[in-house]
Amino acid sequence: MKALNIVLGAVVLGAQAVLVTVPARAQAKVDVAKISCNEFLFDKIAPTKSIAVWLSGFYNGRQHNTVVDLGRMERDIDKVEDYCRLNLEMTVMDAAKNALGTNK
């Protein structure tokens, strides 16, 4: 019985630790067109990588490209982040267009 109490205590403590570390981002929907570079770079809306991957999918989808080139995606993310650092008030979608060219 004592072992069971120890295990249950550990489970409760573990669950509390997980709940405490979950960020308070309860938004169910995000309009990416309104996210500024500042919000993008500093994870104010969602994790930067999540938004970057979404952007990659969005622009590749517009071109009907179904191939994921992970190396190119990382380089493109770096370019957008670099561009955003110099243009914090610009929307991240405009920054992506400018950093990656009109074809993207």
C-alpha atoms as a PDB file:
ATOM      1  CA  MET A   1       0.000   0.000   0.000  1.00  0.00           C
ATOM      2  CA  LYS A   2       2.861   2.370   0.831  1.00  0.00           C
ATOM      3  CA  ALA A   3       4.428   1.749  -2.590  1.00  0.00           C
ATOM      4  CA  LEU A   4       1.116   2.555  -4.278  1.00  0.00           C
ATOM      5  CA  ASN A   5       0.895   5.868  -2.393  1.00  0.00           C
ATOM      6  CA  ILE A   6       4.440   6.745  -3.467  1.00  0.00           C
ATOM      7  CA  VAL A   7       3.663   5.974  -7.104  1.00  0.00           C
ATOM      8  CA  LEU A   8       0.407   7.956  -7.010  1.00  0.00           C
ATOM      9  CA  GLY A   9       2.192  10.866  -5.356  1.00  0.00           C
ATOM     10  CA  ALA A  10       4.840  10.831  -8.065  1.00  0.00           C
ATOM     11  CA  VAL A  11       2.185  10.778 -10.788  1.00  0.00           C
ATOM     12  CA  VAL A  12       0.352  13.739  -9.239  1.00  0.00           C
ATOM     13  CA  LEU A  13       3.582  15.719  -8.869  1.00  0.00           C
ATOM     14  CA  GLY A  14       4.555  14.886 -12.437  1.00  0.00           C
ATOM     15  CA  ALA A  15       1.168  16.005 -13.743  1.00  0.00           C
ATOM     16  CA  GLN A  16       1.412  19.264 -11.797  1.00  0.00           C
ATOM     17  CA  ALA A  17       4.874  19.919 -13.209  1.00  0.00           C
ATOM     18  CA  VAL A  18       3.605  19.401 -16.747  1.00  0.00           C
ATOM     19  CA  LEU A  19       0.622  21.688 -16.209  1.00  0.00           C
ATOM     20  CA  VAL A  20       2.812  24.413 -14.727  1.00  0.00           C
ATOM     21  CA  THR A  21       5.263  24.341 -17.653  1.00  0.00           C
ATOM     22  CA  VAL A  22       2.614  24.501 -20.395  1.00  0.00           C
ATOM     23  CA  PRO A  23       2.644  28.023 -21.851  1.00  0.00           C
ATOM     24  CA  ALA A  24      -0.544  30.050 -21.553  1.00  0.00           C
ATOM     25  CA  ARG A  25      -1.336  30.171 -25.274  1.00  0.00           C
ATOM     26  CA  ALA A  26      -4.957  29.190 -25.301  1.00  0.00           C
ATOM     27  CA  GLN A  27      -5.714  30.747 -28.675  1.00  0.00           C
ATOM     28  CA  ALA A  28      -7.427  28.225 -30.881  1.00  0.00           C
ATOM     29  CA  LYS A  29      -6.948  30.238 -34.074  1.00  0.00           C
ATOM     30  CA  VAL A  30      -4.196  32.549 -35.273  1.00  0.00           C
ATOM     31  CA  ASP A  31      -4.308  34.817 -38.311  1.00  0.00           C
ATOM     32  CA  VAL A  32      -0.751  34.491 -39.583  1.00  0.00           C
ATOM     33  CA  ALA A  33      -1.250  37.488 -41.883  1.00  0.00           C
ATOM     34  CA  LYS A  34      -1.401  39.693 -38.772  1.00  0.00           C
ATOM     35  CA  ILE A  35       1.706  38.370 -36.996  1.00  0.00           C
ATOM     36  CA  SER A  36       4.501  40.932 -36.874  1.00  0.00           C
ATOM     37  CA  CYS A  37       8.144  39.993 -37.131  1.00  0.00           C
ATOM     38  CA  ASN A  38       8.535  41.022 -33.496  1.00  0.00           C
ATOM     39  CA  GLU A  39       5.788  38.604 -32.436  1.00  0.00           C
ATOM     40  CA  PHE A  40       7.248  35.904 -34.691  1.00  0.00           C
ATOM     41  CA  LEU A  41      10.842  36.205 -33.458  1.00  0.00           C
ATOM     42  CA  PHE A  42      10.012  36.362 -29.773  1.00  0.00           C
ATOM     43  CA  ASP A  43       7.384  33.576 -29.676  1.00  0.00           C
ATOM     44  CA  LYS A  44       4.638  35.993 -28.641  1.00  0.00           C
ATOM     45  CA  ILE A  45       1.885  34.243 -30.615  1.00  0.00           C
ATOM     46  CA  ALA A  46       3.214  30.726 -31.149  1.00  0.00           C
ATOM     47  CA  PRO A  47       6.646  29.084 -31.274  1.00  0.00           C
ATOM     48  CA  THR A  48       8.751  30.603 -34.065  1.00  0.00           C
ATOM     49  CA  LYS A  49       9.460  27.221 -35.667  1.00  0.00           C
ATOM     50  CA  SER A  50       5.740  26.370 -35.758  1.00  0.00           C
ATOM     51  CA  ILE A  51       4.927  29.565 -37.639  1.00  0.00           C
ATOM     52  CA  ALA A  52       7.935  29.091 -39.928  1.00  0.00           C
ATOM     53  CA  VAL A  53       6.894  25.554 -40.842  1.00  0.00           C
ATOM     54  CA  TRP A  54       3.332  26.764 -41.483  1.00  0.00           C
ATOM     55  CA  LEU A  55       4.675  29.510 -43.758  1.00  0.00           C
ATOM     56  CA  SER A  56       6.755  26.990 -45.661  1.00  0.00           C
ATOM     57  CA  GLY A  57       3.721  24.786 -46.190  1.00  0.00           C
ATOM     58  CA  PHE A  58       1.562  27.741 -47.187  1.00  0.00           C
ATOM     59  CA  TYR A  59       3.938  29.042 -49.848  1.00  0.00           C
ATOM     60  CA  ASN A  60       4.839  25.577 -51.135  1.00  0.00           C
ATOM     61  CA  GLY A  61       1.132  24.733 -51.320  1.00  0.00           C
ATOM     62  CA  ARG A  62       0.493  27.821 -53.446  1.00  0.00           C
ATOM     63  CA  GLN A  63       3.075  26.461 -55.882  1.00  0.00           C
ATOM     64  CA  HIS A  64       1.603  22.943 -55.742  1.00  0.00           C
ATOM     65  CA  ASN A  65       4.951  21.688 -54.462  1.00  0.00           C
ATOM     66  CA  THR A  66       4.552  18.505 -52.416  1.00  0.00           C
ATOM     67  CA  VAL A  67       8.263  17.886 -51.823  1.00  0.00           C
ATOM     68  CA  VAL A  68       9.753  18.859 -48.464  1.00  0.00           C
ATOM     69  CA  ASP A  69      13.416  19.825 -48.769  1.00  0.00           C
ATOM     70  CA  LEU A  70      14.390  20.047 -45.102  1.00  0.00           C
ATOM     71  CA  GLY A  71      17.744  21.697 -45.792  1.00  0.00           C
ATOM     72  CA  ARG A  72      16.168  24.374 -47.943  1.00  0.00           C
ATOM     73  CA  MET A  73      13.392  24.907 -45.410  1.00  0.00           C
ATOM     74  CA  GLU A  74      15.966  25.541 -42.644  1.00  0.00           C
ATOM     75  CA  ARG A  75      17.860  27.990 -44.862  1.00  0.00           C
ATOM     76  CA  ASP A  76      14.620  29.776 -45.766  1.00  0.00           C
ATOM     77  CA  ILE A  77      13.627  30.003 -42.099  1.00  0.00           C
ATOM     78  CA  ASP A  78      17.028  31.532 -41.320  1.00  0.00           C
ATOM     79  CA  LYS A  79      16.565  34.085 -44.125  1.00  0.00           C
ATOM     80  CA  VAL A  80      13.127  35.093 -42.866  1.00  0.00           C
ATOM     81  CA  GLU A  81      14.370  35.374 -39.276  1.00  0.00           C
ATOM     82  CA  ASP A  82      17.325  37.529 -40.412  1.00  0.00           C
ATOM     83  CA  TYR A  83      15.008  39.755 -42.455  1.00  0.00           C
ATOM     84  CA  CYS A  84      12.598  40.049 -39.538  1.00  0.00           C
ATOM     85  CA  ARG A  85      15.366  41.151 -37.173  1.00  0.00           C
ATOM     86  CA  LEU A  86      15.827  44.207 -39.383  1.00  0.00           C
ATOM     87  CA  ASN A  87      12.084  44.822 -39.860  1.00  0.00           C
ATOM     88  CA  LEU A  88      10.388  44.100 -36.530  1.00  0.00           C
ATOM     89  CA  GLU A  89       7.126  45.906 -37.350  1.00  0.00           C
ATOM     90  CA  MET A  90       6.599  44.207 -40.731  1.00  0.00           C
ATOM     91  CA  THR A  91       4.260  41.228 -40.930  1.00  0.00           C
ATOM     92  CA  VAL A  92       6.048  37.915 -41.060  1.00  0.00           C
ATOM     93  CA  MET A  93       4.253  37.037 -44.306  1.00  0.00           C
ATOM     94  CA  ASP A  94       5.568  40.192 -45.991  1.00  0.00           C
ATOM     95  CA  ALA A  95       9.011  39.477 -44.579  1.00  0.00           C
ATOM     96  CA  ALA A  96       8.882  35.960 -46.036  1.00  0.00           C
ATOM     97  CA  LYS A  97       7.893  37.333 -49.452  1.00  0.00           C
ATOM     98  CA  ASN A  98      10.716  39.878 -49.361  1.00  0.00           C
ATOM     99  CA  ALA A  99      13.377  37.581 -47.921  1.00  0.00           C
ATOM    100  CA  LEU A 100      12.640  34.679 -50.238  1.00  0.00           C
ATOM    101  CA  GLY A 101      11.680  36.532 -53.393  1.00  0.00           C
ATOM    102  CA  THR A 102       8.377  36.824 -55.203  1.00  0.00           C
ATOM    103  CA  ASN A 103       8.487  33.213 -56.439  1.00  0.00           C
ATOM    104  CA  LYS A 104       8.128  31.881 -52.893  1.00  0.00           C
END
